[in-house]
Structures are given as C-alpha cells and as structure tokens.
C-alpha cells in the first residue's frame, strides 16, 4: 500500500511523519556540525542527541557524538557512540576512523585499529586526510616505518589535489 501511495502520490499517515523526522534529524545534524565547528560542544551534543531520537537508524548523529566525546577525552563514551554508529551503518568511514582513534588513544588493539582505519580509507569520505593521519599513527606505533612513510606521501599528494 505504501509503495502504491508513493507511486500515485496519495497521502499515507505514517510516511509523511517519518520523512519529517528524517528531514528534522538531517537539519539537526547539520546544525550540530556547525555548532561543533564554532566551539559550542554542549549545543552540538544536544542537537546530535535530538537527531538520534528523530532518526534512530541514522549513524551521523552517533558519529558526531563520538567525535565530541573523543575531543573531550571521554573515551568510553566515544567508543560506545562509534560502535553504535557502526552497528547502524557498517563501514561508515567516520565511525570506523573514530573508533580506530579511540583504540589509539587508549593504546589498545593496534591490529583492530588498523583494520578499522583501512576500512575507512576504502570508503568515499571527505575525511580522507584525517583517516590517513590515523593510519600513519597506527603504522608508526607498530614500527612499520615504511608503511607510515607511504601513508605520509599519500597524505601529501591527497592534500595537493
């Protein structure tokens, strides 16, 4: 019935409300990102939490909450938020890289951090430079200096594009 309504344009009570919630969540995430960039983390956190309620299946709000927690040094909260985002959107580059950064900050499980960062690098993402930084640090800590140098070179060329 819902597909038929979409095809012919009739109103379906459940569809309009869900779309409004998704639009509202998308707007809240955008406003939260702006607040975080402008140095208002409390406002950003409030907006991300609202977005996670409006779109419970969306990963973007959880990645944002993870980023805020990581930046504030709240590593257990960051880990939880990134894991939630990865549950909702496996291979999400921001969540994969964020969780890799948490593992690095806690000096835990370098092989898992490497797997996550390499997975993030394989995805299309505007955060490629940040992912390359994470991978560089993983290789450096693992004593894989040749790989670290290769990643550093890739980072240099990526930044020149």
N, C-alpha and C. Protein backbone atom coordinates (compact mmCIF):
# COMPACT_ATOMS: atom_id res chain seq x y z
N UNK A 1 0.82 -1.19 0.00
CA UNK A 1 0.00 0.00 0.00
C UNK A 1 0.87 1.26 0.00
N UNK A 2 1.93 1.25 0.82
CA UNK A 2 2.79 2.43 0.89
C UNK A 2 3.46 2.70 -0.45
N UNK A 3 3.90 1.64 -1.13
CA UNK A 3 4.53 1.81 -2.45
C UNK A 3 3.52 2.39 -3.44
N UNK A 4 2.29 1.90 -3.39
CA UNK A 4 1.25 2.40 -4.27
C UNK A 4 1.00 3.89 -3.99
N UNK A 5 0.93 4.24 -2.73
CA UNK A 5 0.71 5.64 -2.37
C UNK A 5 1.84 6.52 -2.89
N UNK A 6 3.09 6.04 -2.76
CA UNK A 6 4.21 6.82 -3.27
C UNK A 6 4.12 6.97 -4.78
N UNK A 7 3.71 5.89 -5.46
CA UNK A 7 3.63 5.92 -6.92
C UNK A 7 2.56 6.88 -7.42
N UNK A 8 1.42 6.92 -6.75
CA UNK A 8 0.33 7.77 -7.24
C UNK A 8 0.20 9.07 -6.47
N UNK A 9 0.98 9.22 -5.41
CA UNK A 9 1.01 10.49 -4.71
C UNK A 9 -0.06 10.68 -3.66
N UNK A 10 -0.69 9.62 -3.19
CA UNK A 10 -1.71 9.80 -2.16
C UNK A 10 -1.06 9.93 -0.79
N UNK A 11 -1.80 10.42 0.14
CA UNK A 11 -1.28 10.63 1.49
C UNK A 11 -1.35 9.33 2.28
N UNK A 12 -0.29 9.06 3.00
CA UNK A 12 -0.25 7.91 3.90
C UNK A 12 0.20 8.45 5.25
N UNK A 13 -0.59 8.25 6.30
CA UNK A 13 -0.28 8.90 7.56
C UNK A 13 1.10 8.60 8.11
N UNK A 14 1.60 7.40 7.95
CA UNK A 14 2.89 7.05 8.52
C UNK A 14 4.07 7.56 7.72
N UNK A 15 3.91 7.72 6.42
CA UNK A 15 5.03 8.11 5.57
C UNK A 15 5.43 9.56 5.77
N UNK A 16 4.48 10.45 5.83
CA UNK A 16 4.79 11.87 5.97
C UNK A 16 5.51 12.18 7.27
N UNK A 17 5.06 11.56 8.35
CA UNK A 17 5.69 11.79 9.65
C UNK A 17 7.12 11.29 9.69
N UNK A 18 7.38 10.14 9.09
CA UNK A 18 8.73 9.58 9.07
C UNK A 18 9.67 10.47 8.25
N UNK A 19 9.18 10.95 7.12
CA UNK A 19 10.00 11.83 6.29
C UNK A 19 10.31 13.13 7.03
N UNK A 20 9.31 13.67 7.73
CA UNK A 20 9.55 14.89 8.51
C UNK A 20 10.61 14.64 9.58
N UNK A 21 10.53 13.47 10.25
CA UNK A 21 11.53 13.15 11.27
C UNK A 21 12.93 13.05 10.67
N UNK A 22 13.04 12.42 9.50
CA UNK A 22 14.34 12.30 8.84
C UNK A 22 14.87 13.65 8.41
N UNK A 23 14.00 14.49 7.88
CA UNK A 23 14.42 15.85 7.49
C UNK A 23 14.86 16.65 8.71
N UNK A 24 14.10 16.50 9.78
CA UNK A 24 14.44 17.21 11.02
C UNK A 24 15.79 16.72 11.55
N UNK A 25 16.01 15.40 11.53
CA UNK A 25 17.28 14.84 12.01
C UNK A 25 18.44 15.33 11.16
N UNK A 26 18.26 15.36 9.84
CA UNK A 26 19.32 15.84 8.94
C UNK A 26 19.65 17.30 9.26
N UNK A 27 18.63 18.11 9.49
CA UNK A 27 18.84 19.52 9.83
C UNK A 27 19.56 19.64 11.18
N UNK A 28 19.17 18.82 12.15
CA UNK A 28 19.81 18.87 13.47
C UNK A 28 21.28 18.48 13.37
N UNK A 29 21.60 17.48 12.55
CA UNK A 29 22.99 17.07 12.39
C UNK A 29 23.80 18.21 11.76
N UNK A 30 23.24 18.86 10.74
CA UNK A 30 23.95 19.98 10.11
C UNK A 30 24.17 21.12 11.10
N UNK A 31 23.16 21.43 11.89
CA UNK A 31 23.31 22.49 12.89
C UNK A 31 24.31 22.09 13.96
N UNK A 32 24.30 20.81 14.34
CA UNK A 32 25.26 20.31 15.35
C UNK A 32 26.69 20.42 14.83
N UNK A 33 26.90 20.05 13.57
CA UNK A 33 28.24 20.15 12.98
C UNK A 33 28.71 21.60 12.99
N UNK A 34 27.82 22.52 12.65
CA UNK A 34 28.18 23.95 12.68
C UNK A 34 28.50 24.39 14.10
N UNK A 35 27.70 23.96 15.06
CA UNK A 35 27.95 24.33 16.46
C UNK A 35 29.30 23.80 16.93
N UNK A 36 29.61 22.57 16.56
CA UNK A 36 30.90 21.99 16.97
C UNK A 36 32.06 22.77 16.34
N UNK A 37 31.94 23.11 15.06
CA UNK A 37 32.99 23.89 14.39
C UNK A 37 33.17 25.26 15.04
N UNK A 38 32.08 25.83 15.53
CA UNK A 38 32.11 27.17 16.12
C UNK A 38 32.44 27.15 17.61
N UNK A 39 32.82 25.99 18.13
CA UNK A 39 33.26 25.91 19.52
C UNK A 39 32.14 25.86 20.54
N UNK A 40 30.99 25.33 20.17
CA UNK A 40 29.87 25.20 21.09
C UNK A 40 29.51 23.71 21.25
N UNK A 41 30.36 22.94 21.94
CA UNK A 41 30.15 21.49 22.02
C UNK A 41 28.88 21.09 22.78
N UNK A 42 28.47 21.86 23.77
CA UNK A 42 27.25 21.49 24.52
C UNK A 42 26.02 21.59 23.61
N UNK A 43 25.96 22.65 22.83
CA UNK A 43 24.86 22.83 21.89
C UNK A 43 24.90 21.72 20.83
N UNK A 44 26.09 21.42 20.34
CA UNK A 44 26.24 20.36 19.33
C UNK A 44 25.77 19.02 19.89
N UNK A 45 26.15 18.72 21.12
CA UNK A 45 25.75 17.45 21.72
C UNK A 45 24.23 17.35 21.86
N UNK A 46 23.61 18.44 22.27
CA UNK A 46 22.15 18.46 22.40
C UNK A 46 21.47 18.21 21.05
N UNK A 47 21.99 18.84 20.01
CA UNK A 47 21.43 18.66 18.66
C UNK A 47 21.66 17.24 18.14
N UNK A 48 22.84 16.69 18.38
CA UNK A 48 23.11 15.31 17.95
C UNK A 48 22.18 14.33 18.68
N UNK A 49 21.97 14.56 19.96
CA UNK A 49 21.07 13.66 20.72
C UNK A 49 19.64 13.75 20.18
N UNK A 50 19.19 14.96 19.87
CA UNK A 50 17.86 15.12 19.29
C UNK A 50 17.77 14.41 17.94
N UNK A 51 18.81 14.52 17.13
CA UNK A 51 18.83 13.86 15.82
C UNK A 51 18.79 12.34 15.98
N UNK A 52 19.47 11.82 17.00
CA UNK A 52 19.48 10.36 17.20
C UNK A 52 18.10 9.85 17.61
N UNK A 53 17.31 10.71 18.22
CA UNK A 53 15.93 10.33 18.58
C UNK A 53 15.00 10.45 17.37
N UNK A 54 15.21 11.49 16.56
CA UNK A 54 14.37 11.69 15.37
C UNK A 54 14.65 10.66 14.28
N UNK A 55 15.89 10.19 14.22
CA UNK A 55 16.26 9.17 13.24
C UNK A 55 17.07 8.09 13.94
N UNK A 56 16.38 7.18 14.64
CA UNK A 56 17.09 6.14 15.40
C UNK A 56 17.97 5.23 14.55
N UNK A 57 17.71 5.15 13.26
CA UNK A 57 18.51 4.29 12.38
C UNK A 57 19.65 5.04 11.71
N UNK A 58 19.82 6.32 12.01
CA UNK A 58 20.86 7.12 11.37
C UNK A 58 22.16 7.09 12.15
N UNK A 59 23.26 6.95 11.43
CA UNK A 59 24.57 6.87 12.07
C UNK A 59 25.23 8.23 12.28
N UNK A 60 24.85 9.23 11.50
CA UNK A 60 25.55 10.52 11.53
C UNK A 60 25.55 11.16 12.92
N UNK A 61 24.42 11.09 13.61
CA UNK A 61 24.36 11.70 14.95
C UNK A 61 25.29 10.97 15.92
N UNK A 62 25.37 9.65 15.79
CA UNK A 62 26.24 8.87 16.68
C UNK A 62 27.71 9.14 16.40
N UNK A 63 28.05 9.33 15.13
CA UNK A 63 29.44 9.69 14.80
C UNK A 63 29.76 11.06 15.40
N UNK A 64 28.83 12.00 15.28
CA UNK A 64 29.05 13.32 15.86
C UNK A 64 29.22 13.26 17.37
N UNK A 65 28.39 12.46 18.03
CA UNK A 65 28.53 12.29 19.49
C UNK A 65 29.87 11.66 19.83
N UNK A 66 30.30 10.71 19.02
CA UNK A 66 31.61 10.10 19.24
C UNK A 66 32.74 11.10 19.08
N UNK A 67 32.64 11.93 18.04
CA UNK A 67 33.67 12.95 17.81
C UNK A 67 33.75 13.93 18.98
N UNK A 68 32.59 14.36 19.47
CA UNK A 68 32.59 15.29 20.61
C UNK A 68 33.20 14.64 21.85
N UNK A 69 32.83 13.40 22.10
CA UNK A 69 33.36 12.69 23.28
C UNK A 69 34.87 12.48 23.15
N UNK A 70 35.32 12.10 21.96
CA UNK A 70 36.76 11.89 21.75
C UNK A 70 37.52 13.19 21.94
N UNK A 71 37.01 14.27 21.37
CA UNK A 71 37.67 15.58 21.53
C UNK A 71 37.74 16.01 22.98
N UNK A 72 36.75 15.59 23.79
CA UNK A 72 36.72 15.96 25.21
C UNK A 72 37.47 14.95 26.08
N UNK A 73 38.03 13.90 25.46
CA UNK A 73 38.77 12.90 26.22
C UNK A 73 37.89 11.89 26.93
N UNK A 74 36.62 11.85 26.59
CA UNK A 74 35.70 10.88 27.20
C UNK A 74 35.69 9.62 26.32
N UNK A 75 36.77 8.84 26.45
CA UNK A 75 36.99 7.72 25.55
C UNK A 75 35.94 6.61 25.64
N UNK A 76 35.45 6.24 26.84
CA UNK A 76 34.41 5.21 26.88
C UNK A 76 33.13 5.64 26.15
N UNK A 77 32.74 6.90 26.31
CA UNK A 77 31.55 7.40 25.61
C UNK A 77 31.79 7.45 24.10
N UNK A 78 32.99 7.84 23.71
CA UNK A 78 33.32 7.89 22.28
C UNK A 78 33.24 6.49 21.68
N UNK A 79 33.82 5.53 22.36
CA UNK A 79 33.80 4.14 21.87
C UNK A 79 32.35 3.66 21.71
N UNK A 80 31.54 3.91 22.70
CA UNK A 80 30.13 3.48 22.65
C UNK A 80 29.40 4.12 21.47
N UNK A 81 29.61 5.41 21.26
CA UNK A 81 28.93 6.13 20.17
C UNK A 81 29.38 5.60 18.81
N UNK A 82 30.69 5.41 18.64
CA UNK A 82 31.19 4.91 17.36
C UNK A 82 30.71 3.48 17.09
N UNK A 83 30.68 2.66 18.13
CA UNK A 83 30.19 1.29 17.95
C UNK A 83 28.70 1.29 17.56
N UNK A 84 27.94 2.19 18.15
CA UNK A 84 26.53 2.30 17.79
C UNK A 84 26.40 2.73 16.32
N UNK A 85 27.20 3.69 15.90
CA UNK A 85 27.16 4.13 14.50
C UNK A 85 27.54 2.99 13.56
N UNK A 86 28.54 2.20 13.93
CA UNK A 86 28.94 1.08 13.07
C UNK A 86 27.88 -0.02 13.06
N UNK A 87 27.16 -0.17 14.14
CA UNK A 87 26.05 -1.13 14.15
C UNK A 87 24.98 -0.69 13.16
N UNK A 88 24.71 0.61 13.13
CA UNK A 88 23.68 1.15 12.24
C UNK A 88 24.15 1.24 10.79
N UNK A 89 25.43 1.52 10.59
CA UNK A 89 25.98 1.70 9.24
C UNK A 89 27.38 1.08 9.18
N UNK A 90 27.44 -0.24 9.00
CA UNK A 90 28.76 -0.89 8.92
C UNK A 90 29.60 -0.22 7.83
N UNK A 91 30.86 -0.06 8.08
CA UNK A 91 31.82 0.55 7.15
C UNK A 91 31.67 2.07 7.04
N UNK A 92 30.93 2.70 7.97
CA UNK A 92 30.85 4.16 7.95
C UNK A 92 32.26 4.71 8.20
N UNK A 93 32.81 5.49 7.27
CA UNK A 93 34.20 5.92 7.41
C UNK A 93 34.47 6.76 8.66
N UNK A 94 33.54 7.63 9.02
CA UNK A 94 33.74 8.45 10.21
C UNK A 94 33.72 7.62 11.49
N UNK A 95 32.82 6.65 11.54
CA UNK A 95 32.73 5.79 12.72
C UNK A 95 33.93 4.85 12.80
N UNK A 96 34.32 4.27 11.65
CA UNK A 96 35.47 3.36 11.65
C UNK A 96 36.74 4.09 12.06
N UNK A 97 36.96 5.27 11.48
CA UNK A 97 38.16 6.02 11.83
C UNK A 97 38.10 6.52 13.27
N UNK A 98 36.92 6.95 13.70
CA UNK A 98 36.78 7.41 15.09
C UNK A 98 37.10 6.31 16.09
N UNK A 99 36.57 5.12 15.85
CA UNK A 99 36.86 4.01 16.76
C UNK A 99 38.34 3.65 16.71
N UNK A 100 38.95 3.71 15.53
CA UNK A 100 40.39 3.47 15.44
C UNK A 100 41.16 4.50 16.28
N UNK A 101 40.73 5.75 16.25
CA UNK A 101 41.38 6.81 17.04
C UNK A 101 41.20 6.57 18.54
N UNK A 102 40.03 6.04 18.93
CA UNK A 102 39.82 5.70 20.35
C UNK A 102 40.80 4.61 20.76
N UNK A 103 40.92 3.58 19.94
CA UNK A 103 41.85 2.49 20.25
C UNK A 103 43.28 3.00 20.36
N UNK A 104 43.65 3.93 19.47
CA UNK A 104 44.98 4.53 19.55
C UNK A 104 45.16 5.31 20.85
N UNK A 105 44.17 6.11 21.19
CA UNK A 105 44.25 6.94 22.39
C UNK A 105 44.36 6.09 23.65
N UNK A 106 43.73 4.94 23.63
CA UNK A 106 43.78 4.03 24.78
C UNK A 106 44.95 3.05 24.68
N UNK A 107 45.71 3.15 23.58
CA UNK A 107 46.84 2.25 23.31
C UNK A 107 46.40 0.79 23.36
N UNK A 108 45.28 0.52 22.69
CA UNK A 108 44.69 -0.82 22.68
C UNK A 108 44.60 -1.35 21.26
N UNK A 109 44.79 -2.61 21.09
CA UNK A 109 44.43 -3.37 19.89
C UNK A 109 44.79 -2.67 18.59
N UNK A 110 46.08 -2.48 18.35
CA UNK A 110 46.53 -1.85 17.11
C UNK A 110 46.07 -2.60 15.86
N UNK A 111 46.04 -3.94 15.85
CA UNK A 111 45.54 -4.61 14.65
C UNK A 111 44.08 -4.26 14.33
N UNK A 112 43.25 -4.14 15.36
CA UNK A 112 41.85 -3.75 15.14
C UNK A 112 41.77 -2.30 14.68
N UNK A 113 42.57 -1.43 15.27
CA UNK A 113 42.60 -0.03 14.84
C UNK A 113 43.03 0.05 13.37
N UNK A 114 44.01 -0.74 12.99
CA UNK A 114 44.47 -0.75 11.60
C UNK A 114 43.35 -1.24 10.68
N UNK A 115 42.68 -2.32 11.05
CA UNK A 115 41.58 -2.84 10.23
C UNK A 115 40.50 -1.78 10.02
N UNK A 116 40.15 -1.08 11.10
CA UNK A 116 39.12 -0.05 11.02
C UNK A 116 39.56 1.13 10.13
N UNK A 117 40.78 1.58 10.33
CA UNK A 117 41.27 2.72 9.54
C UNK A 117 41.40 2.35 8.06
N UNK A 118 41.88 1.16 7.78
CA UNK A 118 41.98 0.74 6.38
C UNK A 118 40.60 0.59 5.75
N UNK A 119 39.63 0.11 6.52
CA UNK A 119 38.27 0.02 6.02
C UNK A 119 37.73 1.43 5.73
N UNK A 120 37.98 2.36 6.62
CA UNK A 120 37.53 3.74 6.42
C UNK A 120 38.15 4.34 5.16
N UNK A 121 39.41 4.03 4.93
CA UNK A 121 40.12 4.57 3.77
C UNK A 121 39.53 4.05 2.46
N UNK A 122 38.99 2.84 2.48
CA UNK A 122 38.39 2.27 1.27
C UNK A 122 37.05 2.91 0.91
N UNK A 123 36.44 3.64 1.84
CA UNK A 123 35.13 4.26 1.60
C UNK A 123 35.34 5.68 1.06
N UNK A 124 34.34 6.15 0.33
CA UNK A 124 34.37 7.54 -0.10
C UNK A 124 34.11 8.42 1.12
N UNK A 125 34.97 9.40 1.34
CA UNK A 125 34.80 10.23 2.52
C UNK A 125 35.53 11.55 2.35
N UNK A 126 34.90 12.64 2.80
CA UNK A 126 35.61 13.92 2.81
C UNK A 126 36.66 13.98 3.91
N UNK A 127 36.71 12.96 4.76
CA UNK A 127 37.66 12.91 5.88
C UNK A 127 38.92 12.12 5.55
N UNK A 128 39.22 11.97 4.26
CA UNK A 128 40.35 11.12 3.87
C UNK A 128 41.66 11.56 4.53
N UNK A 129 41.91 12.84 4.62
CA UNK A 129 43.15 13.32 5.24
C UNK A 129 43.22 12.88 6.71
N UNK A 130 42.11 12.97 7.41
CA UNK A 130 42.08 12.56 8.82
C UNK A 130 42.30 11.05 8.95
N UNK A 131 41.73 10.28 8.02
CA UNK A 131 41.91 8.83 8.04
C UNK A 131 43.37 8.48 7.77
N UNK A 132 43.99 9.17 6.83
CA UNK A 132 45.41 8.94 6.55
C UNK A 132 46.27 9.28 7.77
N UNK A 133 45.93 10.33 8.50
CA UNK A 133 46.65 10.66 9.74
C UNK A 133 46.55 9.51 10.75
N UNK A 134 45.35 8.96 10.88
CA UNK A 134 45.15 7.84 11.82
C UNK A 134 46.00 6.65 11.40
N UNK A 135 45.95 6.32 10.13
CA UNK A 135 46.71 5.17 9.63
C UNK A 135 48.21 5.39 9.79
N UNK A 136 48.67 6.61 9.55
CA UNK A 136 50.09 6.93 9.76
C UNK A 136 50.49 6.63 11.20
N UNK A 137 49.67 7.09 12.15
CA UNK A 137 50.00 6.89 13.56
C UNK A 137 49.97 5.41 13.94
N UNK A 138 49.04 4.66 13.38
CA UNK A 138 48.98 3.21 13.65
C UNK A 138 50.27 2.55 13.17
N UNK A 139 50.65 2.83 11.93
CA UNK A 139 51.87 2.22 11.38
C UNK A 139 53.10 2.65 12.16
N UNK A 140 53.15 3.92 12.56
CA UNK A 140 54.30 4.41 13.32
C UNK A 140 54.43 3.67 14.64
N UNK A 141 53.30 3.54 15.35
CA UNK A 141 53.34 2.85 16.64
C UNK A 141 53.67 1.37 16.51
N UNK A 142 53.29 0.79 15.39
CA UNK A 142 53.58 -0.63 15.16
C UNK A 142 55.01 -0.84 14.65
N UNK A 143 55.76 0.24 14.46
CA UNK A 143 57.12 0.13 13.96
C UNK A 143 57.19 -0.15 12.47
N UNK A 144 56.12 0.09 11.78
CA UNK A 144 56.06 -0.14 10.33
C UNK A 144 56.36 1.19 9.62
N UNK A 145 57.62 1.61 9.72
CA UNK A 145 58.00 2.94 9.28
C UNK A 145 57.89 3.11 7.76
N UNK A 146 58.15 2.07 7.00
CA UNK A 146 57.99 2.15 5.55
C UNK A 146 56.54 2.41 5.17
N UNK A 147 55.62 1.69 5.83
CA UNK A 147 54.20 1.91 5.57
C UNK A 147 53.77 3.30 6.02
N UNK A 148 54.30 3.74 7.16
CA UNK A 148 53.98 5.08 7.65
C UNK A 148 54.46 6.13 6.65
N UNK A 149 55.64 5.92 6.09
CA UNK A 149 56.16 6.87 5.11
C UNK A 149 55.28 6.88 3.86
N UNK A 150 54.82 5.71 3.43
CA UNK A 150 53.94 5.64 2.25
C UNK A 150 52.64 6.39 2.49
N UNK A 151 52.08 6.22 3.68
CA UNK A 151 50.84 6.91 4.02
C UNK A 151 51.08 8.42 4.08
N UNK A 152 52.21 8.81 4.63
CA UNK A 152 52.54 10.23 4.69
C UNK A 152 52.65 10.82 3.29
N UNK A 153 53.26 10.07 2.38
CA UNK A 153 53.38 10.52 0.99
C UNK A 153 51.99 10.63 0.35
N UNK A 154 51.13 9.64 0.59
CA UNK A 154 49.76 9.68 0.06
C UNK A 154 49.01 10.88 0.61
N UNK A 155 49.21 11.16 1.90
CA UNK A 155 48.56 12.30 2.54
C UNK A 155 49.00 13.60 1.88
N UNK A 156 50.29 13.71 1.60
CA UNK A 156 50.83 14.91 0.95
C UNK A 156 50.17 15.10 -0.42
N UNK A 157 50.12 14.05 -1.23
CA UNK A 157 49.55 14.17 -2.56
C UNK A 157 48.05 14.37 -2.52
N UNK A 158 47.39 13.76 -1.55
CA UNK A 158 45.94 13.96 -1.43
C UNK A 158 45.64 15.42 -1.12
N UNK A 159 46.44 16.02 -0.26
CA UNK A 159 46.23 17.42 0.11
C UNK A 159 46.51 18.39 -1.02
N UNK A 160 47.26 17.99 -2.01
CA UNK A 160 47.61 18.87 -3.13
C UNK A 160 46.54 18.88 -4.21
N UNK A 161 45.57 17.97 -4.12
CA UNK A 161 44.52 17.91 -5.16
C UNK A 161 43.57 19.05 -5.05
